Amino acid sequence: MAKSMAAGGNVTRLRNAVSDAEWETRVDLAAAFRVAHHLGWNNTINNHIAARVPGEPDHFLMNPVGLGWHEIKASDLIKSDWNGNYLSETTMTLAPAGFNFHSAILREKRNLNCTFHIHPLAAVLVSAMEDGLMFYDQSSCSLYGQVSYHDFEGLAQEKDEAPRIIADLGDNFTMIMRNHGALTVGRTIGEAFSYMRRLVGACEVQSRLLACGVKLRKVPQDVLEFTKSQMDARHPDKPYGELDWKMYRRLAEQLDPAHAS
């Protein structure tokens, strides 16, 4: 059984071996896993969030195989280079599919610092709908013009698929991986998390509305575009959702302060 590396001397040794910026990123990333589990986005040992190491643009952190998102700690995260060489002490491994496209996105898109991929039920439902995501409520308007699509090709561990995922993502921050799940990216962990919160929420609204079996009213196009412009004007020069992320960090602390160890 996989065991957390976050125990006594291991944590102290790791904390002393890494920069303050790397440790803060580790704590942020562990918080993202804990809160995502709390919100019901992932209850398995599968799926991944990855983050670039500050000051080390060719290195990133990602969750190892075998740990549930409810138990991941800052010291559990594996530090790796693009070739899969582990740069932190660990007895665990990275999943091939997760490593493949998360590392490729961070390697090729230097303006991004976090990738977030999950299979929440609502997103899987929308991923199987021919029309993809539709806009039925105010919150979903924030995603207008930001949703890309990538067709399902099987387990995403084949190296030749990663460039197609990157090409399909383009400059957007959110992607529906058809017949698969959801992907978001961000300049910060908080931004990727906040986009995922919006994407999962929009998918939940859509799947529940369609289940009602009644005639539905989408947000009119002109109102959709205007609302998106209003939302964009609130954070023109900052990563999306930074205030939200501070709240989620506090929630992670309340859920279990051990995530920061």
C-alpha atoms as a PDB file:
ATOM      1  CA  MET A   1       0.000   0.000   0.000  1.00  0.00           C
ATOM      2  CA  ALA A   2       1.267   3.453  -0.827  1.00  0.00           C
ATOM      3  CA  LYS A   3       2.294   5.443   2.231  1.00  0.00           C
ATOM      4  CA  SER A   4       2.731   9.164   2.707  1.00  0.00           C
ATOM      5  CA  MET A   5       6.351  10.293   2.875  1.00  0.00           C
ATOM      6  CA  ALA A   6       5.326  13.075   5.274  1.00  0.00           C
ATOM      7  CA  ALA A   7       6.737  11.656   8.491  1.00  0.00           C
ATOM      8  CA  GLY A   8       9.108  13.233  10.980  1.00  0.00           C
ATOM      9  CA  GLY A   9      12.644  13.418   9.664  1.00  0.00           C
ATOM     10  CA  ASN A  10      11.596  13.057   6.036  1.00  0.00           C
ATOM     11  CA  VAL A  11       9.585  16.292   6.201  1.00  0.00           C
ATOM     12  CA  THR A  12      12.339  18.197   8.006  1.00  0.00           C
ATOM     13  CA  ARG A  13      14.967  16.963   5.580  1.00  0.00           C
ATOM     14  CA  LEU A  14      12.899  17.932   2.560  1.00  0.00           C
ATOM     15  CA  ARG A  15      11.939  21.324   4.006  1.00  0.00           C
ATOM     16  CA  ASN A  16      15.601  22.128   4.616  1.00  0.00           C
ATOM     17  CA  ALA A  17      16.573  20.969   1.127  1.00  0.00           C
ATOM     18  CA  VAL A  18      14.193  23.111  -0.915  1.00  0.00           C
ATOM     19  CA  SER A  19      13.714  26.844  -1.337  1.00  0.00           C
ATOM     20  CA  ASP A  20      11.031  28.751   0.542  1.00  0.00           C
ATOM     21  CA  ALA A  21       9.289  29.351  -2.802  1.00  0.00           C
ATOM     22  CA  GLU A  22       9.223  25.635  -3.617  1.00  0.00           C
ATOM     23  CA  TRP A  23       7.861  24.778  -0.183  1.00  0.00           C
ATOM     24  CA  GLU A  24       5.116  27.390  -0.501  1.00  0.00           C
ATOM     25  CA  THR A  25       4.174  25.891  -3.878  1.00  0.00           C
ATOM     26  CA  ARG A  26       4.097  22.441  -2.321  1.00  0.00           C
ATOM     27  CA  VAL A  27       1.714  23.683   0.387  1.00  0.00           C
ATOM     28  CA  ASP A  28      -0.467  25.435  -2.204  1.00  0.00           C
ATOM     29  CA  LEU A  29      -0.620  22.278  -4.297  1.00  0.00           C
ATOM     30  CA  ALA A  30      -1.441  20.071  -1.306  1.00  0.00           C
ATOM     31  CA  ALA A  31      -4.215  22.516  -0.387  1.00  0.00           C
ATOM     32  CA  ALA A  32      -5.642  22.235  -3.897  1.00  0.00           C
ATOM     33  CA  PHE A  33      -5.846  18.447  -3.587  1.00  0.00           C
ATOM     34  CA  ARG A  34      -7.495  18.600  -0.169  1.00  0.00           C
ATOM     35  CA  VAL A  35     -10.119  21.174  -1.158  1.00  0.00           C
ATOM     36  CA  ALA A  36     -10.857  19.439  -4.477  1.00  0.00           C
ATOM     37  CA  HIS A  37     -11.549  16.244  -2.557  1.00  0.00           C
ATOM     38  CA  HIS A  38     -13.712  18.157  -0.075  1.00  0.00           C
ATOM     39  CA  LEU A  39     -15.771  19.541  -2.973  1.00  0.00           C
ATOM     40  CA  GLY A  40     -16.293  16.028  -4.338  1.00  0.00           C
ATOM     41  CA  TRP A  41     -14.312  16.508  -7.517  1.00  0.00           C
ATOM     42  CA  ASN A  42     -12.138  13.424  -7.041  1.00  0.00           C
ATOM     43  CA  ASN A  43     -12.484  10.532  -4.604  1.00  0.00           C
ATOM     44  CA  THR A  44      -9.858   8.214  -6.090  1.00  0.00           C
ATOM     45  CA  ILE A  45      -6.092   7.912  -6.358  1.00  0.00           C
ATOM     46  CA  ASN A  46      -6.311   8.935 -10.030  1.00  0.00           C
ATOM     47  CA  ASN A  47      -6.053  12.327 -11.767  1.00  0.00           C
ATOM     48  CA  HIS A  48      -3.459  14.994 -11.220  1.00  0.00           C
ATOM     49  CA  ILE A  49      -2.530  18.560 -10.470  1.00  0.00           C
ATOM     50  CA  ALA A  50       0.969  19.707 -11.412  1.00  0.00           C
ATOM     51  CA  ALA A  51       2.823  22.940 -10.705  1.00  0.00           C
ATOM     52  CA  ARG A  52       6.072  24.431 -11.941  1.00  0.00           C
ATOM     53  CA  VAL A  53       8.765  24.923  -9.291  1.00  0.00           C
ATOM     54  CA  PRO A  54       9.451  28.656  -8.807  1.00  0.00           C
ATOM     55  CA  GLY A  55      12.927  29.581  -9.970  1.00  0.00           C
ATOM     56  CA  GLU A  56      13.330  26.183 -11.662  1.00  0.00           C
ATOM     57  CA  PRO A  57      11.372  26.497 -14.931  1.00  0.00           C
ATOM     58  CA  ASP A  58      12.263  22.987 -16.120  1.00  0.00           C
ATOM     59  CA  HIS A  59      11.111  21.239 -12.954  1.00  0.00           C
ATOM     60  CA  PHE A  60       7.601  20.567 -11.695  1.00  0.00           C
ATOM     61  CA  LEU A  61       5.708  18.973  -8.803  1.00  0.00           C
ATOM     62  CA  MET A  62       2.954  16.376  -9.154  1.00  0.00           C
ATOM     63  CA  ASN A  63       1.068  13.889  -6.979  1.00  0.00           C
ATOM     64  CA  PRO A  64       2.391  10.319  -6.907  1.00  0.00           C
ATOM     65  CA  VAL A  65       0.518   7.144  -7.752  1.00  0.00           C
ATOM     66  CA  GLY A  66      -1.314   5.587  -4.832  1.00  0.00           C
ATOM     67  CA  LEU A  67      -2.353   8.508  -2.626  1.00  0.00           C
ATOM     68  CA  GLY A  68      -5.939   9.724  -2.362  1.00  0.00           C
ATOM     69  CA  TRP A  69      -6.430  13.447  -2.710  1.00  0.00           C
ATOM     70  CA  HIS A  70      -7.731  13.625   0.879  1.00  0.00           C
ATOM     71  CA  GLU A  71      -4.356  12.550   2.277  1.00  0.00           C
ATOM     72  CA  ILE A  72      -1.775  14.316   0.103  1.00  0.00           C
ATOM     73  CA  LYS A  73       0.761  16.431   1.986  1.00  0.00           C
ATOM     74  CA  ALA A  74       3.275  18.982   0.747  1.00  0.00           C
ATOM     75  CA  SER A  75       6.144  16.567   1.303  1.00  0.00           C
ATOM     76  CA  ASP A  76       4.458  13.779  -0.697  1.00  0.00           C
ATOM     77  CA  LEU A  77       4.689  15.613  -4.010  1.00  0.00           C
ATOM     78  CA  ILE A  78       7.283  14.347  -6.453  1.00  0.00           C
ATOM     79  CA  LYS A  79       9.639  16.834  -8.079  1.00  0.00           C
ATOM     80  CA  SER A  80      10.590  15.843 -11.620  1.00  0.00           C
ATOM     81  CA  ASP A  81      12.231  17.115 -14.777  1.00  0.00           C
ATOM     82  CA  TRP A  82      10.768  16.774 -18.279  1.00  0.00           C
ATOM     83  CA  ASN A  83      12.509  13.420 -18.771  1.00  0.00           C
ATOM     84  CA  GLY A  84      10.913  11.835 -15.732  1.00  0.00           C
ATOM     85  CA  ASN A  85      13.984  12.017 -13.497  1.00  0.00           C
ATOM     86  CA  TYR A  86      12.854  12.400  -9.879  1.00  0.00           C
ATOM     87  CA  LEU A  87      14.605  15.226  -8.070  1.00  0.00           C
ATOM     88  CA  SER A  88      13.192  14.671  -4.587  1.00  0.00           C
ATOM     89  CA  GLU A  89      13.474  11.693  -2.265  1.00  0.00           C
ATOM     90  CA  THR A  90      10.558   9.323  -2.820  1.00  0.00           C
ATOM     91  CA  THR A  91       9.639   5.655  -2.868  1.00  0.00           C
ATOM     92  CA  MET A  92       6.680   6.401  -5.131  1.00  0.00           C
ATOM     93  CA  THR A  93       6.184   7.053  -8.842  1.00  0.00           C
ATOM     94  CA  LEU A  94       4.288   9.304 -11.237  1.00  0.00           C
ATOM     95  CA  ALA A  95       1.492   7.911 -13.418  1.00  0.00           C
ATOM     96  CA  PRO A  96       2.515   7.644 -17.111  1.00  0.00           C
ATOM     97  CA  ALA A  97      -0.586   9.334 -18.546  1.00  0.00           C
ATOM     98  CA  GLY A  98      -0.513  12.149 -16.015  1.00  0.00           C
ATOM     99  CA  PHE A  99       3.195  12.750 -16.477  1.00  0.00           C
ATOM    100  CA  ASN A 100       2.855  12.692 -20.248  1.00  0.00           C
ATOM    101  CA  PHE A 101       0.524  15.586 -20.890  1.00  0.00           C
ATOM    102  CA  HIS A 102       0.924  17.629 -17.702  1.00  0.00           C
ATOM    103  CA  SER A 103       4.685  17.856 -18.205  1.00  0.00           C
ATOM    104  CA  ALA A 104       4.240  18.583 -21.922  1.00  0.00           C
ATOM    105  CA  ILE A 105       1.881  21.510 -21.272  1.00  0.00           C
ATOM    106  CA  LEU A 106       4.207  23.058 -18.689  1.00  0.00           C
ATOM    107  CA  ARG A 107       7.247  22.460 -20.900  1.00  0.00           C
ATOM    108  CA  GLU A 108       5.732  24.071 -23.975  1.00  0.00           C
ATOM    109  CA  LYS A 109       3.650  26.832 -22.362  1.00  0.00           C
ATOM    110  CA  ARG A 110       6.122  28.805 -20.261  1.00  0.00           C
ATOM    111  CA  ASN A 111       3.520  31.392 -19.276  1.00  0.00           C
ATOM    112  CA  LEU A 112       1.612  28.720 -17.361  1.00  0.00           C
ATOM    113  CA  ASN A 113       2.578  27.293 -13.981  1.00  0.00           C
ATOM    114  CA  CYS A 114      -0.199  24.846 -13.140  1.00  0.00           C
ATOM    115  CA  THR A 115      -2.242  22.115 -14.826  1.00  0.00           C
ATOM    116  CA  PHE A 116      -5.349  20.524 -13.258  1.00  0.00           C
ATOM    117  CA  HIS A 117      -7.139  17.416 -14.570  1.00  0.00           C
ATOM    118  CA  ILE A 118     -10.102  15.564 -13.046  1.00  0.00           C
ATOM    119  CA  HIS A 119     -13.065  13.334 -13.962  1.00  0.00           C
ATOM    120  CA  PRO A 120     -15.987  14.744 -11.932  1.00  0.00           C
ATOM    121  CA  LEU A 121     -19.310  13.208 -12.952  1.00  0.00           C
ATOM    122  CA  ALA A 122     -20.860  16.423 -14.297  1.00  0.00           C
ATOM    123  CA  ALA A 123     -17.828  17.165 -16.481  1.00  0.00           C
ATOM    124  CA  VAL A 124     -17.793  13.606 -17.812  1.00  0.00           C
ATOM    125  CA  LEU A 125     -21.476  13.939 -18.694  1.00  0.00           C
ATOM    126  CA  VAL A 126     -20.898  17.178 -20.610  1.00  0.00           C
ATOM    127  CA  SER A 127     -17.799  15.717 -22.256  1.00  0.00           C
ATOM    128  CA  ALA A 128     -20.066  13.104 -23.865  1.00  0.00           C
ATOM    129  CA  MET A 129     -22.558  15.690 -25.175  1.00  0.00           C
ATOM    130  CA  GLU A 130     -22.172  16.550 -28.852  1.00  0.00           C
ATOM    131  CA  ASP A 131     -22.765  20.272 -28.255  1.00  0.00           C
ATOM    132  CA  GLY A 132     -20.308  20.463 -25.374  1.00  0.00           C
ATOM    133  CA  LEU A 133     -20.693  23.167 -22.754  1.00  0.00           C
ATOM    134  CA  MET A 134     -23.657  25.508 -23.072  1.00  0.00           C
ATOM    135  CA  PHE A 135     -24.241  28.713 -21.136  1.00  0.00           C
ATOM    136  CA  TYR A 136     -27.323  28.731 -18.942  1.00  0.00           C
ATOM    137  CA  ASP A 137     -26.393  30.853 -15.936  1.00  0.00           C
ATOM    138  CA  GLN A 138     -24.404  33.880 -14.791  1.00  0.00           C
ATOM    139  CA  SER A 139     -21.424  31.954 -13.418  1.00  0.00           C
ATOM    140  CA  SER A 140     -20.874  30.030 -16.646  1.00  0.00           C
ATOM    141  CA  CYS A 141     -20.533  33.328 -18.555  1.00  0.00           C
ATOM    142  CA  SER A 142     -17.017  33.661 -17.143  1.00  0.00           C
ATOM    143  CA  LEU A 143     -15.984  30.714 -19.348  1.00  0.00           C
ATOM    144  CA  TYR A 144     -17.300  32.135 -22.608  1.00  0.00           C
ATOM    145  CA  GLY A 145     -14.504  32.006 -25.195  1.00  0.00           C
ATOM    146  CA  GLN A 146     -12.256  30.071 -22.803  1.00  0.00           C
ATOM    147  CA  VAL A 147     -13.317  26.457 -23.434  1.00  0.00           C
ATOM    148  CA  SER A 148     -11.335  24.210 -25.778  1.00  0.00           C
ATOM    149  CA  TYR A 149     -12.082  20.605 -26.778  1.00  0.00           C
ATOM    150  CA  HIS A 150      -9.905  17.551 -27.344  1.00  0.00           C
ATOM    151  CA  ASP A 151     -11.234  14.288 -28.761  1.00  0.00           C
ATOM    152  CA  PHE A 152     -10.755  11.081 -26.798  1.00  0.00           C
ATOM    153  CA  GLU A 153      -7.890   8.924 -28.087  1.00  0.00           C
ATOM    154  CA  GLY A 154      -7.563   6.365 -25.286  1.00  0.00           C
ATOM    155  CA  LEU A 155      -5.342   6.627 -22.206  1.00  0.00           C
ATOM    156  CA  ALA A 156      -3.380   9.870 -22.590  1.00  0.00           C
ATOM    157  CA  GLN A 157      -0.017   8.194 -22.065  1.00  0.00           C
ATOM    158  CA  GLU A 158       1.059   8.122 -25.718  1.00  0.00           C
ATOM    159  CA  LYS A 159       3.688  10.801 -26.367  1.00  0.00           C
ATOM    160  CA  ASP A 160       2.268  11.752 -29.749  1.00  0.00           C
ATOM    161  CA  GLU A 161      -1.061  12.760 -28.140  1.00  0.00           C
ATOM    162  CA  ALA A 162       0.452  15.441 -25.901  1.00  0.00           C
ATOM    163  CA  PRO A 163       1.174  17.875 -28.779  1.00  0.00           C
ATOM    164  CA  ARG A 164      -2.431  17.519 -29.956  1.00  0.00           C
ATOM    165  CA  ILE A 165      -3.735  18.322 -26.471  1.00  0.00           C
ATOM    166  CA  ILE A 166      -1.527  21.422 -26.412  1.00  0.00           C
ATOM    167  CA  ALA A 167      -2.649  22.485 -29.894  1.00  0.00           C
ATOM    168  CA  ASP A 168      -6.328  21.989 -29.035  1.00  0.00           C
ATOM    169  CA  LEU A 169      -5.937  23.930 -25.782  1.00  0.00           C
ATOM    170  CA  GLY A 170      -4.494  26.921 -27.625  1.00  0.00           C
ATOM    171  CA  ASP A 171      -4.504  30.057 -25.474  1.00  0.00           C
ATOM    172  CA  ASN A 172      -7.545  29.029 -23.430  1.00  0.00           C
ATOM    173  CA  PHE A 173      -7.517  28.189 -19.741  1.00  0.00           C
ATOM    174  CA  THR A 174     -10.145  25.443 -19.784  1.00  0.00           C
ATOM    175  CA  MET A 175     -10.649  22.291 -21.827  1.00  0.00           C
ATOM    176  CA  ILE A 176     -13.284  19.606 -22.016  1.00  0.00           C
ATOM    177  CA  MET A 177     -11.591  16.354 -22.938  1.00  0.00           C
ATOM    178  CA  ARG A 178     -14.373  14.609 -24.809  1.00  0.00           C
ATOM    179  CA  ASN A 179     -15.636  11.333 -23.321  1.00  0.00           C
ATOM    180  CA  HIS A 180     -13.031  11.841 -20.621  1.00  0.00           C
ATOM    181  CA  GLY A 181     -13.092  14.798 -18.219  1.00  0.00           C
ATOM    182  CA  ALA A 182     -11.945  18.346 -17.519  1.00  0.00           C
ATOM    183  CA  LEU A 183      -8.617  20.164 -17.787  1.00  0.00           C
ATOM    184  CA  THR A 184      -7.729  23.658 -16.622  1.00  0.00           C
ATOM    185  CA  VAL A 185      -4.444  25.558 -16.596  1.00  0.00           C
ATOM    186  CA  GLY A 186      -3.275  28.705 -14.887  1.00  0.00           C
ATOM    187  CA  ARG A 187      -0.485  31.149 -14.268  1.00  0.00           C
ATOM    188  CA  THR A 188      -0.901  30.209 -10.613  1.00  0.00           C
ATOM    189  CA  ILE A 189      -2.324  27.244  -8.746  1.00  0.00           C
ATOM    190  CA  GLY A 190      -5.163  29.473  -7.615  1.00  0.00           C
ATOM    191  CA  GLU A 191      -6.024  30.436 -11.175  1.00  0.00           C
ATOM    192  CA  ALA A 192      -6.156  26.836 -12.410  1.00  0.00           C
ATOM    193  CA  PHE A 193      -8.249  25.909  -9.356  1.00  0.00           C
ATOM    194  CA  SER A 194     -10.653  28.817  -9.876  1.00  0.00           C
ATOM    195  CA  TYR A 195     -11.173  27.986 -13.546  1.00  0.00           C
ATOM    196  CA  MET A 196     -11.872  24.385 -12.566  1.00  0.00           C
ATOM    197  CA  ARG A 197     -14.406  25.571 -10.000  1.00  0.00           C
ATOM    198  CA  ARG A 198     -16.226  27.507 -12.721  1.00  0.00           C
ATOM    199  CA  LEU A 199     -15.986  24.666 -15.239  1.00  0.00           C
ATOM    200  CA  VAL A 200     -17.262  21.984 -12.876  1.00  0.00           C
ATOM    201  CA  GLY A 201     -20.039  24.307 -11.702  1.00  0.00           C
ATOM    202  CA  ALA A 202     -21.149  25.058 -15.268  1.00  0.00           C
ATOM    203  CA  CYS A 203     -21.178  21.345 -16.094  1.00  0.00           C
ATOM    204  CA  GLU A 204     -23.236  20.601 -12.981  1.00  0.00           C
ATOM    205  CA  VAL A 205     -25.822  23.248 -13.921  1.00  0.00           C
ATOM    206  CA  GLN A 206     -26.040  21.951 -17.492  1.00  0.00           C
ATOM    207  CA  SER A 207     -26.349  18.273 -16.603  1.00  0.00           C
ATOM    208  CA  ARG A 208     -29.050  18.963 -14.013  1.00  0.00           C
ATOM    209  CA  LEU A 209     -31.019  21.247 -16.289  1.00  0.00           C
ATOM    210  CA  LEU A 210     -30.973  18.766 -19.147  1.00  0.00           C
ATOM    211  CA  ALA A 211     -32.172  16.071 -16.773  1.00  0.00           C
ATOM    212  CA  CYS A 212     -35.315  18.151 -16.087  1.00  0.00           C
ATOM    213  CA  GLY A 213     -36.700  17.349 -19.528  1.00  0.00           C
ATOM    214  CA  VAL A 214     -38.150  20.823 -20.049  1.00  0.00           C
ATOM    215  CA  LYS A 215     -37.487  23.530 -22.623  1.00  0.00           C
ATOM    216  CA  LEU A 216     -34.422  25.498 -21.539  1.00  0.00           C
ATOM    217  CA  ARG A 217     -33.364  29.090 -22.072  1.00  0.00           C
ATOM    218  CA  LYS A 218     -29.691  29.739 -22.769  1.00  0.00           C
ATOM    219  CA  VAL A 219     -28.142  33.105 -21.920  1.00  0.00           C
ATOM    220  CA  PRO A 220     -28.712  35.285 -25.030  1.00  0.00           C
ATOM    221  CA  GLN A 221     -25.535  35.841 -27.038  1.00  0.00           C
ATOM    222  CA  ASP A 222     -25.373  39.600 -26.525  1.00  0.00           C
ATOM    223  CA  VAL A 223     -25.938  39.253 -22.782  1.00  0.00           C
ATOM    224  CA  LEU A 224     -23.374  36.453 -22.621  1.00  0.00           C
ATOM    225  CA  GLU A 225     -20.722  38.598 -24.282  1.00  0.00           C
ATOM    226  CA  PHE A 226     -21.536  41.645 -22.145  1.00  0.00           C
ATOM    227  CA  THR A 227     -21.461  39.674 -18.891  1.00  0.00           C
ATOM    228  CA  LYS A 228     -18.098  38.136 -19.833  1.00  0.00           C
ATOM    229  CA  SER A 229     -16.691  41.618 -20.499  1.00  0.00           C
ATOM    230  CA  GLN A 230     -17.948  42.782 -17.093  1.00  0.00           C
ATOM    231  CA  MET A 231     -16.274  39.829 -15.380  1.00  0.00           C
ATOM    232  CA  ASP A 232     -12.996  40.322 -17.252  1.00  0.00           C
ATOM    233  CA  ALA A 233     -12.895  43.994 -16.261  1.00  0.00           C
ATOM    234  CA  ARG A 234     -12.739  43.038 -12.583  1.00  0.00           C
ATOM    235  CA  HIS A 235      -9.292  41.407 -12.870  1.00  0.00           C
ATOM    236  CA  PRO A 236      -7.590  42.722 -16.045  1.00  0.00           C
ATOM    237  CA  ASP A 237      -3.967  42.391 -14.928  1.00  0.00           C
ATOM    238  CA  LYS A 238      -4.094  39.621 -12.338  1.00  0.00           C
ATOM    239  CA  PRO A 239      -4.548  35.852 -12.489  1.00  0.00           C
ATOM    240  CA  TYR A 240      -8.197  34.877 -12.214  1.00  0.00           C
ATOM    241  CA  GLY A 241      -9.572  33.904  -8.816  1.00  0.00           C
ATOM    242  CA  GLU A 242      -6.733  35.006  -6.550  1.00  0.00           C
ATOM    243  CA  LEU A 243      -9.066  36.233  -3.784  1.00  0.00           C
ATOM    244  CA  ASP A 244     -11.056  33.011  -4.059  1.00  0.00           C
ATOM    245  CA  TRP A 245      -7.862  31.015  -3.702  1.00  0.00           C
ATOM    246  CA  LYS A 246      -6.940  32.741  -0.424  1.00  0.00           C
ATOM    247  CA  MET A 247     -10.305  31.596   0.922  1.00  0.00           C
ATOM    248  CA  TYR A 248      -9.701  28.040  -0.274  1.00  0.00           C
ATOM    249  CA  ARG A 249      -6.270  28.054   1.375  1.00  0.00           C
ATOM    250  CA  ARG A 250      -7.984  28.926   4.650  1.00  0.00           C
ATOM    251  CA  LEU A 251     -10.467  26.114   4.051  1.00  0.00           C
ATOM    252  CA  ALA A 252      -7.619  23.628   3.544  1.00  0.00           C
ATOM    253  CA  GLU A 253      -6.140  24.725   6.863  1.00  0.00           C
ATOM    254  CA  GLN A 254      -9.475  24.210   8.573  1.00  0.00           C
ATOM    255  CA  LEU A 255      -9.976  20.796   6.964  1.00  0.00           C
ATOM    256  CA  ASP A 256      -6.566  19.480   8.037  1.00  0.00           C
ATOM    257  CA  PRO A 257      -3.484  21.603   8.797  1.00  0.00           C
ATOM    258  CA  ALA A 258      -1.346  18.493   8.223  1.00  0.00           C
ATOM    259  CA  HIS A 259      -1.598  19.095   4.466  1.00  0.00           C
ATOM    260  CA  ALA A 260       1.199  21.666   4.943  1.00  0.00           C
ATOM    261  CA  SER A 261       3.645  19.104   6.289  1.00  0.00           C
END
